[in-house]
Structure formats: C-alpha cells, structure tokens
Amino acid sequence: MPHLVPLLIRGINNLSDARYCAGMGADKLTFILDPSLPGYLDTKAVKELAGWIAGVELIGEFDQLSAHEINAIAGECGLDAVLLRTPRTSEELAEIAPPVYLELPADFAALSQSLPASPIGFVLELPTSETPETRAALQQISAQKPLWLGPGLHPDRARALATTLPLAGLVFPSGDEVKPGLRDFDQLEAVFEALEID
C-alpha cells in the first residue's frame, strides 16, 4: 500500500513490530545497536529479526561507538545504513562505511546554516508544538537536505506535514509487546492509514 511519503520506524525490538511494519509498507526499520542506548539489541537478535522480513532498508542506531565498531556491527548485521544520535566530525563521518543518517538536536533551527554535507539524510523528532520560526527552519532544511520528521503517533499531524513540506519521509516509534507475540498496533495502524494515498 503506497503512502504519501516513505516511512521509517525506529527502535524495532520484537518480531511482531518488524513483520507488521514491513507488511504495512514501511520503507526503513531501525534497530538500536549501541549498548549505551535504551532498547539496545545485540547483533544476534537483530540478525534473527532481519531474517523474518524482506523489502525494507535495515538501519542501525548508534551513539558513542567508534567508526570501527559501527563498521564491524554493520557488516555483521548486513545493515543498509546507520543512524547516528550525536554529531561527529567530518573525519569520523568519512570513516563510517555505510551511508549515514544524522539525528538533529532539539535546537535544530540554529544549525540550519551549518549542516554537514556527508549524511544522506537528517532525522528530527519534532516538539509537540510548532512555532512559525520552527516551520521556517524546517522549510529551509528540507529544501536543501533529505529530512525525515518524527511527528509522534499523531495521524492528522503526520498527514499535514507530509502534504505541506518537501520531506524525504516521516519517522515513527515502534513499541513493545504486551507479551511475546502480543502487541497493540492501533496507534501505528492509524498513522499508516492516514498516510495512505487516496
């Protein structure tokens, strides 16, 4: 089912989410592979989950690990790209073998003039309310760099952003199973449906 923009689902940590999101047409799934981050999965778990899904881009999320460590994990898990939670120097970015997405901080508006050139895209979790200044900065960034926005699990807001900004895509959080094999997908389903092409 085609959507208005590509969809990236962050922090997949269970098979239910992985299969549901891939089946509903998500384009990219992230797995947290840095032990310093909440929701961390080891490489064995990620490879097991990845073995059950097809047709989606697999991305590893990292924070403090070195370029060498990121490259080793990316190779072991067969990642298509990585998402860095914190900025790196241009030298460090050049050492990371897979394509890099970079998460922008909450004060992103101040950075819009000095974004690094090498990442293939930027990820930004939006605050709950937007100001005219916020919207202007989003317009500026999305016009010059591929921008993935996280509007939270709000279907109407997601659709509005997808239809008013030149976005690379939208970003949504995954969730946790109630117990193995049992998961409530109502919120994610509402977002997927809101973004379907009429």
Protein backbone atom coordinates (compact mmCIF):
# COMPACT_ATOMS: atom_id res chain seq x y z
CA MET A 1 0.00 0.00 0.00
CA PRO A 2 1.64 3.23 -1.15
CA HIS A 3 1.99 6.16 1.25
CA LEU A 4 2.30 9.89 0.68
CA VAL A 5 5.94 9.76 1.76
CA PRO A 6 8.36 6.96 2.73
CA LEU A 7 8.09 5.78 6.35
CA LEU A 8 10.86 4.95 8.82
CA ILE A 9 10.03 3.07 12.03
CA ARG A 10 12.55 3.45 14.85
CA GLY A 11 13.65 1.11 17.60
CA ILE A 12 12.27 -2.23 16.39
CA ASN A 13 12.83 -4.70 19.24
CA ASN A 14 10.45 -7.58 18.55
CA LEU A 15 9.27 -9.78 15.70
CA SER A 16 5.67 -8.55 15.89
CA ASP A 17 6.71 -4.97 15.12
CA ALA A 18 9.21 -5.99 12.46
CA ARG A 19 6.73 -8.08 10.50
CA TYR A 20 3.78 -5.71 10.97
CA CYS A 21 5.68 -2.60 9.86
CA ALA A 22 7.27 -4.33 6.88
CA GLY A 23 3.88 -5.73 5.87
CA MET A 24 2.17 -2.33 6.19
CA GLY A 25 4.61 -0.72 3.78
CA ALA A 26 7.29 0.86 5.97
CA ASP A 27 10.40 1.59 3.93
CA LYS A 28 13.03 1.57 6.68
CA LEU A 29 13.35 -0.05 10.11
CA THR A 30 15.92 0.87 12.74
CA PHE A 31 17.44 -1.32 15.44
CA ILE A 32 19.30 0.12 18.42
CA LEU A 33 22.75 -1.48 18.30
CA ASP A 34 24.67 0.75 20.71
CA PRO A 35 24.89 -0.72 24.25
CA SER A 36 24.79 2.81 25.74
CA LEU A 37 21.24 3.40 24.45
CA PRO A 38 17.93 2.24 25.95
CA GLY A 39 16.34 -0.53 23.92
CA TYR A 40 19.70 -2.00 22.87
CA LEU A 41 19.63 -5.26 20.91
CA ASP A 42 22.67 -7.44 20.34
CA THR A 43 23.72 -8.46 16.84
CA LYS A 44 22.31 -11.96 17.23
CA ALA A 45 18.81 -10.61 17.96
CA VAL A 46 18.95 -8.16 15.06
CA LYS A 47 20.07 -10.83 12.59
CA GLU A 48 17.27 -13.09 13.80
CA LEU A 49 14.64 -10.36 13.35
CA ALA A 50 16.04 -9.34 9.97
CA GLY A 51 15.75 -12.92 8.77
CA TRP A 52 11.96 -12.72 9.03
CA ILE A 53 11.44 -9.59 6.93
CA ALA A 54 12.17 -8.50 3.38
CA GLY A 55 11.81 -5.44 1.21
CA VAL A 56 12.81 -2.87 3.84
CA GLU A 57 16.03 -0.99 4.49
CA LEU A 58 17.71 -2.03 7.75
CA ILE A 59 19.35 0.74 9.77
CA GLY A 60 21.38 0.54 12.98
CA GLU A 61 21.15 3.33 15.56
CA PHE A 62 24.37 4.35 17.32
CA ASP A 63 25.54 6.98 19.75
CA GLN A 64 29.01 6.63 21.29
CA LEU A 65 30.59 3.70 19.45
CA SER A 66 33.63 4.37 17.29
CA ALA A 67 33.55 4.27 13.49
CA HIS A 68 35.47 0.97 13.61
CA GLU A 69 32.91 -0.58 15.99
CA ILE A 70 29.99 0.71 13.91
CA ASN A 71 31.50 -0.72 10.72
CA ALA A 72 32.01 -4.12 12.34
CA ILE A 73 28.42 -4.31 13.63
CA ALA A 74 27.00 -3.00 10.35
CA GLY A 75 28.88 -5.67 8.43
CA GLU A 76 27.82 -8.45 10.80
CA CYS A 77 24.13 -7.44 10.67
CA GLY A 78 24.05 -6.61 6.96
CA LEU A 79 22.85 -3.06 7.62
CA ASP A 80 21.93 -0.80 4.71
CA ALA A 81 22.71 2.38 6.66
CA VAL A 82 23.32 3.77 10.14
CA LEU A 83 21.60 6.50 12.15
CA LEU A 84 23.87 8.49 14.46
CA ARG A 85 22.28 10.04 17.52
CA THR A 86 25.07 12.57 18.09
CA PRO A 87 27.18 14.69 15.72
CA ARG A 88 30.58 13.50 14.54
CA THR A 89 33.49 15.30 12.98
CA SER A 90 33.80 15.16 9.20
CA GLU A 91 36.81 12.85 9.68
CA GLU A 92 34.76 10.42 11.78
CA LEU A 93 31.88 10.51 9.31
CA ALA A 94 34.27 9.68 6.48
CA GLU A 95 35.44 6.56 8.36
CA ILE A 96 31.93 5.10 8.67
CA ALA A 97 31.42 2.68 5.79
CA PRO A 98 27.60 2.50 5.46
CA PRO A 99 25.57 5.54 4.42
CA VAL A 100 24.86 7.79 7.43
CA TYR A 101 21.68 9.44 8.66
CA LEU A 102 22.22 12.02 11.40
CA GLU A 103 19.69 12.89 14.10
CA LEU A 104 19.37 16.63 14.64
CA PRO A 105 19.12 18.06 18.17
CA ALA A 106 16.11 19.91 19.56
CA ASP A 107 17.76 23.27 18.81
CA PHE A 108 17.99 22.35 15.12
CA ALA A 109 16.90 25.79 13.94
CA ALA A 110 20.28 27.22 14.92
CA LEU A 111 22.04 24.56 12.83
CA SER A 112 20.16 25.00 9.59
CA GLN A 113 23.01 27.02 8.05
CA SER A 114 25.82 24.65 9.05
CA LEU A 115 24.62 21.09 8.43
CA PRO A 116 27.35 18.61 7.47
CA ALA A 117 27.36 17.60 3.82
CA SER A 118 28.11 13.89 4.05
CA PRO A 119 24.99 12.39 5.70
CA ILE A 120 22.42 11.08 3.23
CA GLY A 121 19.60 12.37 5.41
CA PHE A 122 18.70 14.06 8.66
CA VAL A 123 16.23 12.79 11.26
CA LEU A 124 14.39 15.15 13.56
CA GLU A 125 11.89 14.39 16.31
CA LEU A 126 9.53 17.35 16.35
CA PRO A 127 8.38 19.08 19.52
CA THR A 128 4.66 18.79 20.21
CA SER A 129 4.02 22.39 19.18
CA GLU A 130 5.48 24.30 16.25
CA THR A 131 6.20 28.00 16.03
CA PRO A 132 6.42 29.98 12.78
CA GLU A 133 10.20 30.02 13.32
CA THR A 134 10.24 26.22 13.64
CA ARG A 135 8.26 25.82 10.43
CA ALA A 136 10.56 28.25 8.57
CA ALA A 137 13.64 26.30 9.71
CA LEU A 138 12.02 23.03 8.63
CA GLN A 139 11.27 24.51 5.23
CA GLN A 140 14.85 25.66 4.89
CA ILE A 141 16.41 22.34 5.90
CA SER A 142 14.03 20.18 3.88
CA ALA A 143 14.66 22.28 0.78
CA GLN A 144 18.41 21.61 0.89
CA LYS A 145 18.80 18.21 2.60
CA PRO A 146 16.74 14.99 2.77
CA LEU A 147 14.76 15.45 6.01
CA TRP A 148 12.90 12.76 7.94
CA LEU A 149 10.49 14.18 10.53
CA GLY A 150 9.10 12.44 13.60
CA PRO A 151 5.68 13.92 14.44
CA GLY A 152 4.82 11.36 17.12
CA LEU A 153 1.92 8.98 16.65
CA HIS A 154 -0.49 11.71 15.52
CA PRO A 155 -2.21 10.76 12.24
CA ASP A 156 -3.57 14.22 11.37
CA ARG A 157 -0.29 15.97 12.12
CA ALA A 158 1.63 13.37 10.11
CA ARG A 159 -0.62 13.82 7.08
CA ALA A 160 -0.39 17.61 7.32
CA LEU A 161 3.41 17.50 7.38
CA ALA A 162 3.54 15.03 4.50
CA THR A 163 1.42 17.31 2.34
CA THR A 164 2.96 20.70 3.22
CA LEU A 165 6.72 20.11 3.44
CA PRO A 166 9.13 18.61 0.87
CA LEU A 167 10.12 15.72 3.15
CA ALA A 168 12.23 12.66 2.47
CA GLY A 169 9.86 10.82 4.81
CA LEU A 170 8.25 10.54 8.22
CA VAL A 171 9.58 8.77 11.31
CA PHE A 172 7.55 6.89 13.91
CA PRO A 173 8.47 4.99 17.07
CA SER A 174 7.89 1.28 17.34
CA GLY A 175 6.63 -0.17 20.60
CA ASP A 176 6.88 -3.08 22.97
CA GLU A 177 4.97 -6.32 23.01
CA VAL A 178 2.49 -6.83 25.84
CA LYS A 179 3.90 -10.34 25.95
CA PRO A 180 5.73 -12.37 23.30
CA GLY A 181 3.63 -12.35 20.15
CA LEU A 182 1.02 -9.93 21.53
CA ARG A 183 1.12 -6.27 20.51
CA ASP A 184 -1.42 -3.45 20.22
CA PHE A 185 -0.96 -1.78 16.82
CA ASP A 186 -3.90 0.66 16.97
CA GLN A 187 -1.76 3.83 17.04
CA LEU A 188 0.62 2.71 14.32
CA GLU A 189 -2.27 1.48 12.20
CA ALA A 190 -3.98 4.88 12.44
CA VAL A 191 -0.79 6.58 11.22
CA PHE A 192 -0.30 4.16 8.34
CA GLU A 193 -3.92 4.63 7.26
CA ALA A 194 -3.75 8.43 7.49
CA LEU A 195 -0.76 8.43 5.13
CA GLU A 196 -2.17 6.11 2.50
CA ILE A 197 -2.56 7.64 -0.94
CA ASP A 198 -6.26 8.16 -1.62
